[in-house]
Amino acid sequence: MSLAALAWAAILAVAAALAAPGMPGSMLRSMRDLALPAPLMRPLVAWAHLLVQLTLALGLVLAPRPLSWLFTIGGVVLACIYLVTVWRARGHECRCLSRTPHRIGPATIVRNVSLLVLAVLSLGSEGIAGVALDDWPALIPLTVAVVAEAAARRTA
């Protein structure tokens, strides 16, 4: 497993952990904040999203090759969906990766682009246990994502 896969799994797990206590209400509130289409505003969809986050997080860390590729590709697809969703919701309030709302702006977009890069970098993992020293480039999008999130909260 690569450092990128481990970091992306941790982010998905934290997002699920932040959403879990108030489920399904907290997720539905976030979905409404993101101006998602009405047919998606259902408790079943909220629970399914939480389950997808947890499944991907566990699969990225625990699944052996070649099964881990399915989880990795699923993580990239989810990161793409997140990016498109926040792009469409620019200017709205969001509780993305947070319990408190903040306005979606350029920093949120940068954060989500960085998360997508992190998810794509996890495609390059070789399925070897441990983290190789040549995995350090995975820290770049993770660092950008953290800085962008901090900037978004500071301006909120």
Protein backbone atom coordinates (compact mmCIF):
# COMPACT_ATOMS: atom_id res chain seq x y z
CA MET A 1 0.00 0.00 0.00
CA SER A 2 1.26 3.46 -0.81
CA LEU A 3 1.34 6.48 1.44
CA ALA A 4 -1.21 8.09 -0.90
CA ALA A 5 -3.63 5.18 -0.44
CA LEU A 6 -3.15 5.27 3.33
CA ALA A 7 -3.71 9.04 3.47
CA TRP A 8 -6.81 8.87 1.24
CA ALA A 9 -8.21 6.03 3.37
CA ALA A 10 -7.62 8.10 6.52
CA ILE A 11 -9.42 11.10 5.02
CA LEU A 12 -12.40 8.94 4.03
CA ALA A 13 -12.50 7.39 7.51
CA VAL A 14 -12.37 10.81 9.21
CA ALA A 15 -15.14 12.13 6.94
CA ALA A 16 -17.30 9.12 7.82
CA ALA A 17 -16.52 9.50 11.53
CA LEU A 18 -17.53 13.17 11.44
CA ALA A 19 -20.81 12.35 9.70
CA ALA A 20 -21.74 9.22 11.68
CA PRO A 21 -22.93 10.71 15.00
CA GLY A 22 -25.81 12.66 13.46
CA MET A 23 -26.79 10.18 10.75
CA PRO A 24 -28.83 10.42 8.65
CA GLY A 25 -29.72 14.02 9.51
CA SER A 26 -26.16 15.36 9.38
CA MET A 27 -25.53 13.87 5.94
CA LEU A 28 -28.90 15.05 4.62
CA ARG A 29 -28.14 18.56 5.89
CA SER A 30 -24.79 18.50 4.09
CA MET A 31 -26.45 17.18 0.93
CA ARG A 32 -28.99 20.01 1.09
CA ASP A 33 -26.21 22.55 1.68
CA LEU A 34 -24.49 21.26 -1.46
CA ALA A 35 -27.69 21.75 -3.47
CA LEU A 36 -27.89 18.12 -4.55
CA PRO A 37 -30.92 17.08 -6.64
CA ALA A 38 -34.11 16.30 -4.71
CA PRO A 39 -34.17 12.57 -5.63
CA LEU A 40 -30.89 12.13 -3.73
CA MET A 41 -32.25 13.69 -0.54
CA ARG A 42 -33.19 10.40 1.09
CA PRO A 43 -31.97 8.76 4.29
CA LEU A 44 -31.08 5.62 2.32
CA VAL A 45 -28.76 7.65 0.05
CA ALA A 46 -27.14 9.28 3.11
CA TRP A 47 -26.49 5.89 4.71
CA ALA A 48 -25.21 4.50 1.40
CA HIS A 49 -22.73 7.38 1.12
CA LEU A 50 -21.43 6.72 4.63
CA LEU A 51 -21.13 3.00 3.82
CA VAL A 52 -19.23 3.78 0.60
CA GLN A 53 -16.76 6.00 2.50
CA LEU A 54 -16.13 3.32 5.12
CA THR A 55 -15.91 0.50 2.58
CA LEU A 56 -13.42 2.39 0.44
CA ALA A 57 -11.33 3.35 3.47
CA LEU A 58 -11.14 -0.25 4.66
CA GLY A 59 -10.62 -1.62 1.15
CA LEU A 60 -7.77 0.77 0.41
CA VAL A 61 -5.95 -0.42 3.52
CA LEU A 62 -6.88 -4.09 3.81
CA ALA A 63 -7.70 -5.48 0.36
CA PRO A 64 -5.04 -7.56 -1.41
CA ARG A 65 -4.11 -7.10 -5.07
CA PRO A 66 -5.89 -7.26 -7.51
CA LEU A 67 -9.01 -6.57 -5.41
CA SER A 68 -7.45 -3.39 -4.02
CA TRP A 69 -7.57 -1.88 -7.52
CA LEU A 70 -11.37 -1.86 -7.35
CA PHE A 71 -11.28 0.13 -4.12
CA THR A 72 -8.63 2.46 -5.52
CA ILE A 73 -10.66 3.15 -8.67
CA GLY A 74 -13.76 3.60 -6.51
CA GLY A 75 -11.83 6.17 -4.46
CA VAL A 76 -10.86 8.09 -7.59
CA VAL A 77 -14.48 8.08 -8.80
CA LEU A 78 -15.66 9.31 -5.38
CA ALA A 79 -13.03 12.10 -5.38
CA CYS A 80 -14.25 13.15 -8.86
CA ILE A 81 -17.84 13.22 -7.62
CA TYR A 82 -16.80 15.33 -4.62
CA LEU A 83 -14.95 17.79 -6.86
CA VAL A 84 -17.88 18.17 -9.26
CA THR A 85 -20.27 18.56 -6.32
CA VAL A 86 -18.31 21.35 -4.62
CA TRP A 87 -17.68 23.03 -7.98
CA ARG A 88 -21.45 23.17 -8.59
CA ALA A 89 -22.08 24.39 -5.03
CA ARG A 90 -19.60 27.31 -5.06
CA GLY A 91 -20.85 30.05 -2.78
CA HIS A 92 -23.04 27.72 -0.70
CA GLU A 93 -22.31 26.75 2.89
CA CYS A 94 -20.86 23.27 3.41
CA ARG A 95 -19.98 21.00 6.31
CA CYS A 96 -17.56 19.03 4.15
CA LEU A 97 -14.95 17.36 6.40
CA SER A 98 -16.21 19.50 9.26
CA ARG A 99 -18.96 19.81 11.83
CA THR A 100 -19.27 23.55 11.29
CA PRO A 101 -20.38 25.08 8.00
CA HIS A 102 -18.06 27.16 5.84
CA ARG A 103 -18.58 28.85 2.48
CA ILE A 104 -17.39 26.91 -0.55
CA GLY A 105 -14.82 29.04 -2.33
CA PRO A 106 -11.50 28.71 -4.12
CA ALA A 107 -9.81 27.07 -1.11
CA THR A 108 -12.46 24.33 -1.04
CA ILE A 109 -11.99 23.72 -4.75
CA VAL A 110 -8.20 23.52 -4.30
CA ARG A 111 -8.69 21.11 -1.40
CA ASN A 112 -10.87 18.84 -3.52
CA VAL A 113 -8.50 18.96 -6.50
CA SER A 114 -5.72 17.97 -4.08
CA LEU A 115 -7.83 15.10 -2.75
CA LEU A 116 -8.43 13.94 -6.32
CA VAL A 117 -4.67 14.04 -6.98
CA LEU A 118 -4.13 12.04 -3.78
CA ALA A 119 -6.71 9.46 -4.91
CA VAL A 120 -5.07 9.22 -8.34
CA LEU A 121 -1.63 8.81 -6.74
CA SER A 122 -3.03 5.88 -4.78
CA LEU A 123 -3.45 4.10 -8.14
CA GLY A 124 0.32 3.78 -8.26
CA SER A 125 0.58 1.71 -5.11
CA GLU A 126 2.31 -1.61 -5.60
CA GLY A 127 0.42 -3.53 -2.94
CA ILE A 128 3.56 -3.96 -0.82
CA ALA A 129 3.10 -3.75 2.93
CA GLY A 130 4.61 -0.65 4.47
CA VAL A 131 5.44 2.75 3.08
CA ALA A 132 8.42 3.21 0.78
CA LEU A 133 10.62 6.28 1.00
CA ASP A 134 9.82 7.15 -2.62
CA ASP A 135 6.18 7.69 -1.58
CA TRP A 136 6.96 11.19 -0.24
CA PRO A 137 5.38 12.98 -3.27
CA ALA A 138 2.00 11.83 -1.91
CA LEU A 139 2.50 14.34 0.90
CA ILE A 140 2.29 17.25 -1.56
CA PRO A 141 -1.45 17.02 -2.38
CA LEU A 142 -2.20 16.08 1.22
CA THR A 143 -0.36 19.18 2.44
CA VAL A 144 -2.15 21.37 -0.13
CA ALA A 145 -5.50 19.89 0.96
CA VAL A 146 -4.80 20.62 4.63
CA VAL A 147 -3.62 24.18 3.90
CA ALA A 148 -6.64 24.83 1.65
CA GLU A 149 -9.00 23.55 4.33
CA ALA A 150 -7.35 25.77 6.95
CA ALA A 151 -7.63 28.77 4.60
CA ALA A 152 -11.31 28.04 3.97
CA ARG A 153 -12.04 27.93 7.70
CA ARG A 154 -10.06 31.09 8.32
CA THR A 155 -12.07 33.06 5.76
CA ALA A 156 -15.41 31.59 6.90
